[in-house]
Amino acid sequence: MQSRLNRRQALAGFGSLSLGAVLAACGGGSDNDDDGDTARTPSGEFDDAASCQATAELTEGPYYFDADAIRSDIREDRPGAALKLGIRVRSAGECAPIKDAVVDLWHCDAGGVYSGFDAGADARFLRGTQVTNAEGIAEFTTIYPSWYRGQTVHIHAKVHLDKRTVLTTQLFFDEAVTEQVYARTPYSAQGVPDMSNDQDGIFDSSLVLTVKPDGDAYRGLMTFDVSV
């Protein structure tokens, strides 16, 4: 059964059904790929931090809206270096994976544009939602984000449990990797970022993604430890 199940509907709980069960019934969920392109990330690839301290909260920023799209591939027609993201959600303190957490991601394209605003006002690119599997992992296929004036390179994220938003934060990048990516088209047309990580007052080094080359693409990993 195919259905355009949006995040607001998913968070409503559908009575006694778990979110995972609802998504499975509608042909979605964290165990299904909408395009077959997102690789499965074993939990062993993640850095198992012993402390499991709560992930830092950061500002939502001005470009968030509910894109009503549960999907793993959020690229649509946006050109750029493919970025395969694995996001693991755990309970802070206990280090236990959280199944059926709802993860929202959104970021700008290779020209520094967010969908739903300015040149992308009528689009929904580079926005999407996934639900974590039994190992607490949600996966996305997107592109490496570009930059825009006044902030270092970043991706926005939210984590929801049941009807509660338990984390609003941002993900950052190693600048050596960013320099390699930005030497390529279409990023080279955007020029050199006007702000480094250290110059950005929002930047938090604990939120730098672990990024490695994956063929012509890149693979990024991050663990979110949240209070439940």
Protein backbone atom coordinates (compact mmCIF):
# COMPACT_ATOMS: atom_id res chain seq x y z
CA MET A 1 0.00 0.00 0.00
CA GLN A 2 1.39 3.41 -0.98
CA SER A 3 0.58 6.47 1.08
CA ARG A 4 1.85 10.02 1.50
CA LEU A 5 2.21 9.68 5.26
CA ASN A 6 3.47 12.99 6.61
CA ARG A 7 5.36 13.65 9.81
CA ARG A 8 2.44 15.37 11.54
CA GLN A 9 0.31 12.26 10.97
CA ALA A 10 3.12 10.01 12.17
CA LEU A 11 3.59 12.01 15.36
CA ALA A 12 -0.13 11.89 16.06
CA GLY A 13 0.41 8.28 17.12
CA PHE A 14 -2.54 6.66 15.32
CA GLY A 15 -4.08 5.37 18.53
CA SER A 16 -2.22 2.40 20.00
CA LEU A 17 -0.12 1.61 16.90
CA SER A 18 3.61 2.24 17.12
CA LEU A 19 5.07 4.66 14.60
CA GLY A 20 7.11 1.82 13.10
CA ALA A 21 4.00 -0.27 12.54
CA VAL A 22 2.17 2.64 10.91
CA LEU A 23 5.07 3.33 8.54
CA ALA A 24 5.44 -0.33 7.64
CA ALA A 25 1.73 -0.53 6.83
CA CYS A 26 2.10 2.47 4.52
CA GLY A 27 5.14 1.23 2.69
CA GLY A 28 7.62 3.48 4.52
CA GLY A 29 9.68 3.28 7.66
CA SER A 30 13.32 2.92 8.53
CA ASP A 31 13.62 -0.61 7.14
CA ASN A 32 12.53 0.44 3.65
CA ASP A 33 14.36 2.55 1.08
CA ASP A 34 12.33 4.70 -1.26
CA ASP A 35 15.05 4.48 -3.90
CA GLY A 36 17.27 1.54 -2.98
CA ASP A 37 20.31 3.85 -2.89
CA THR A 38 20.83 4.39 0.84
CA ALA A 39 23.32 1.87 2.23
CA ARG A 40 22.62 0.03 5.45
CA THR A 41 24.87 1.29 8.25
CA PRO A 42 25.94 -1.33 10.82
CA SER A 43 25.88 0.05 14.36
CA GLY A 44 29.54 -0.98 14.72
CA GLU A 45 30.58 1.80 12.34
CA PHE A 46 29.58 4.43 14.88
CA ASP A 47 31.95 5.75 17.54
CA ASP A 48 30.76 4.25 20.84
CA ALA A 49 31.34 7.13 23.22
CA ALA A 50 31.40 5.88 26.81
CA SER A 51 29.85 8.97 28.35
CA CYS A 52 26.70 9.18 26.19
CA GLN A 53 26.23 12.78 27.25
CA ALA A 54 23.21 14.57 25.85
CA THR A 55 23.84 16.04 22.39
CA ALA A 56 24.18 19.82 22.34
CA GLU A 57 21.07 21.79 21.46
CA LEU A 58 21.51 24.48 18.81
CA THR A 59 19.22 27.04 17.21
CA GLU A 60 16.58 25.87 14.73
CA GLY A 61 17.33 28.75 12.38
CA PRO A 62 14.87 30.58 10.12
CA TYR A 63 14.46 27.96 7.38
CA TYR A 64 12.57 25.13 9.07
CA PHE A 65 9.12 23.89 8.11
CA ASP A 66 7.45 20.49 8.13
CA ALA A 67 8.10 19.20 4.62
CA ASP A 68 5.52 16.38 4.99
CA ALA A 69 7.89 13.84 3.45
CA ILE A 70 9.00 10.55 5.01
CA ARG A 71 11.77 9.50 2.65
CA SER A 72 15.43 8.51 2.71
CA ASP A 73 16.56 10.19 -0.55
CA ILE A 74 15.98 13.92 -0.15
CA ARG A 75 18.00 15.15 -3.16
CA GLU A 76 15.24 15.58 -5.72
CA ASP A 77 16.88 17.48 -8.61
CA ARG A 78 19.69 19.13 -6.66
CA PRO A 79 23.19 18.65 -8.14
CA GLY A 80 26.16 18.06 -5.87
CA ALA A 81 28.40 15.45 -4.26
CA ALA A 82 26.27 12.63 -2.86
CA LEU A 83 26.33 12.43 0.94
CA LYS A 84 25.05 9.25 2.60
CA LEU A 85 24.17 9.98 6.22
CA GLY A 86 23.73 7.51 9.05
CA ILE A 87 22.16 9.07 12.17
CA ARG A 88 22.01 6.96 15.32
CA VAL A 89 19.69 7.96 18.17
CA ARG A 90 20.38 6.72 21.70
CA SER A 91 19.15 7.53 25.19
CA ALA A 92 21.58 9.84 26.98
CA GLY A 93 23.31 8.21 29.94
CA GLU A 94 22.17 4.68 29.12
CA CYS A 95 23.64 4.50 25.58
CA ALA A 96 20.62 2.41 24.54
CA PRO A 97 19.46 2.66 20.90
CA ILE A 98 16.01 4.19 20.44
CA LYS A 99 13.74 2.57 17.89
CA ASP A 100 11.03 4.58 16.08
CA ALA A 101 12.58 7.97 16.78
CA VAL A 102 11.66 10.46 14.06
CA VAL A 103 14.63 12.31 12.55
CA ASP A 104 14.16 15.48 10.46
CA LEU A 105 16.96 16.90 8.30
CA TRP A 106 17.11 20.06 6.19
CA HIS A 107 19.90 22.10 4.60
CA CYS A 108 20.79 24.37 1.68
CA ASP A 109 21.79 23.24 -1.81
CA ALA A 110 25.09 23.73 -3.66
CA GLY A 111 24.12 27.36 -4.32
CA GLY A 112 23.31 28.15 -0.70
CA VAL A 113 19.53 28.07 -1.27
CA TYR A 114 16.95 26.45 1.02
CA SER A 115 13.82 24.96 -0.50
CA GLY A 116 10.66 26.82 0.46
CA PHE A 117 12.47 30.17 0.43
CA ASP A 118 13.80 32.61 -2.17
CA ALA A 119 14.67 30.77 -5.42
CA GLY A 120 13.38 27.50 -3.99
CA ALA A 121 10.07 28.88 -2.73
CA ASP A 122 7.87 26.27 -4.42
CA ALA A 123 10.14 23.25 -3.85
CA ARG A 124 10.82 20.73 -1.08
CA PHE A 125 14.35 19.61 -1.93
CA LEU A 126 16.91 18.64 0.74
CA ARG A 127 14.26 18.13 3.41
CA GLY A 128 12.99 14.84 4.75
CA THR A 129 12.18 12.56 7.64
CA GLN A 130 13.19 9.03 8.54
CA VAL A 131 12.39 6.71 11.44
CA THR A 132 15.09 4.82 13.30
CA ASN A 133 15.33 1.03 13.11
CA ALA A 134 15.89 -1.43 15.97
CA GLU A 135 19.51 -0.26 16.26
CA GLY A 136 18.40 3.37 16.53
CA ILE A 137 19.67 4.23 13.03
CA ALA A 138 18.03 6.41 10.38
CA GLU A 139 19.64 6.85 6.96
CA PHE A 140 19.47 9.58 4.35
CA THR A 141 20.90 10.18 0.90
CA THR A 142 21.45 13.87 0.25
CA ILE A 143 24.16 16.14 -1.15
CA TYR A 144 27.06 17.84 0.60
CA PRO A 145 25.65 21.25 1.57
CA SER A 146 27.15 24.49 0.37
CA TRP A 147 27.44 27.66 2.44
CA TYR A 148 25.70 30.98 2.74
CA ARG A 149 26.76 34.26 4.25
CA GLY A 150 27.21 34.45 8.01
CA GLN A 151 27.44 30.79 9.02
CA THR A 152 29.81 27.88 8.55
CA VAL A 153 28.76 24.80 6.53
CA HIS A 154 26.03 22.87 8.35
CA ILE A 155 22.95 20.63 8.29
CA HIS A 156 19.94 21.17 10.56
CA ALA A 157 18.34 18.30 12.47
CA LYS A 158 15.51 17.52 14.86
CA VAL A 159 14.67 14.34 16.76
CA HIS A 160 11.12 13.54 17.90
CA LEU A 161 9.93 10.84 20.30
CA ASP A 162 6.19 10.22 20.31
CA LYS A 163 4.77 13.76 20.09
CA ARG A 164 7.79 15.47 21.70
CA THR A 165 10.71 17.19 20.02
CA VAL A 166 13.64 16.04 22.17
CA LEU A 167 16.49 17.58 20.17
CA THR A 168 17.03 20.52 17.82
CA THR A 169 20.60 20.85 16.65
CA GLN A 170 23.01 21.20 13.72
CA LEU A 171 25.71 19.06 12.11
CA PHE A 172 29.07 20.45 10.98
CA PHE A 173 31.92 19.35 8.73
CA ASP A 174 35.69 18.95 8.85
CA GLU A 175 37.00 21.88 6.84
CA ALA A 176 39.66 19.78 5.09
CA VAL A 177 36.88 17.62 3.59
CA THR A 178 34.83 20.68 2.71
CA GLU A 179 37.77 22.20 0.85
CA GLN A 180 38.08 19.07 -1.29
CA VAL A 181 34.36 19.04 -2.10
CA TYR A 182 34.18 22.75 -2.88
CA ALA A 183 36.95 22.46 -5.47
CA ARG A 184 34.43 20.57 -7.63
CA THR A 185 31.45 21.81 -9.60
CA PRO A 186 28.84 22.99 -8.82
CA TYR A 187 30.33 24.21 -5.50
CA SER A 188 33.25 26.07 -7.09
CA ALA A 189 30.80 28.62 -8.51
CA GLN A 190 29.80 29.58 -4.95
CA GLY A 191 33.36 30.58 -4.06
CA VAL A 192 35.14 30.24 -0.71
CA PRO A 193 32.99 30.28 2.47
CA ASP A 194 33.07 33.62 4.25
CA MET A 195 33.15 31.97 7.69
CA SER A 196 35.20 29.13 9.15
CA ASN A 197 34.10 26.76 11.91
CA ASP A 198 36.10 28.65 14.53
CA GLN A 199 34.63 32.00 13.46
CA ASP A 200 31.04 30.81 13.82
CA GLY A 201 29.59 31.48 17.26
CA ILE A 202 27.11 28.59 16.83
CA PHE A 203 29.73 25.98 15.91
CA ASP A 204 30.21 23.08 18.34
CA SER A 205 33.10 20.68 17.73
CA SER A 206 31.13 17.80 19.30
CA LEU A 207 28.73 18.02 16.34
CA VAL A 208 31.28 17.54 13.55
CA LEU A 209 30.23 14.61 11.38
CA THR A 210 32.58 11.71 10.81
CA VAL A 211 32.90 11.93 7.01
CA LYS A 212 34.82 9.58 4.71
CA PRO A 213 34.97 9.20 0.92
CA ASP A 214 32.68 6.51 -0.48
CA GLY A 215 33.57 6.16 -4.15
CA ASP A 216 32.44 9.39 -5.80
CA ALA A 217 30.25 10.13 -2.80
CA TYR A 218 30.82 10.73 0.91
CA ARG A 219 29.64 8.84 3.98
CA GLY A 220 28.75 10.73 7.17
CA LEU A 221 27.98 9.37 10.63
CA MET A 222 26.67 11.01 13.80
CA THR A 223 25.15 9.81 17.06
CA PHE A 224 22.47 11.85 18.82
CA ASP A 225 22.12 11.08 22.53
CA VAL A 226 18.80 12.46 23.76
CA SER A 227 16.98 12.73 27.08
CA VAL A 228 13.90 10.49 27.15
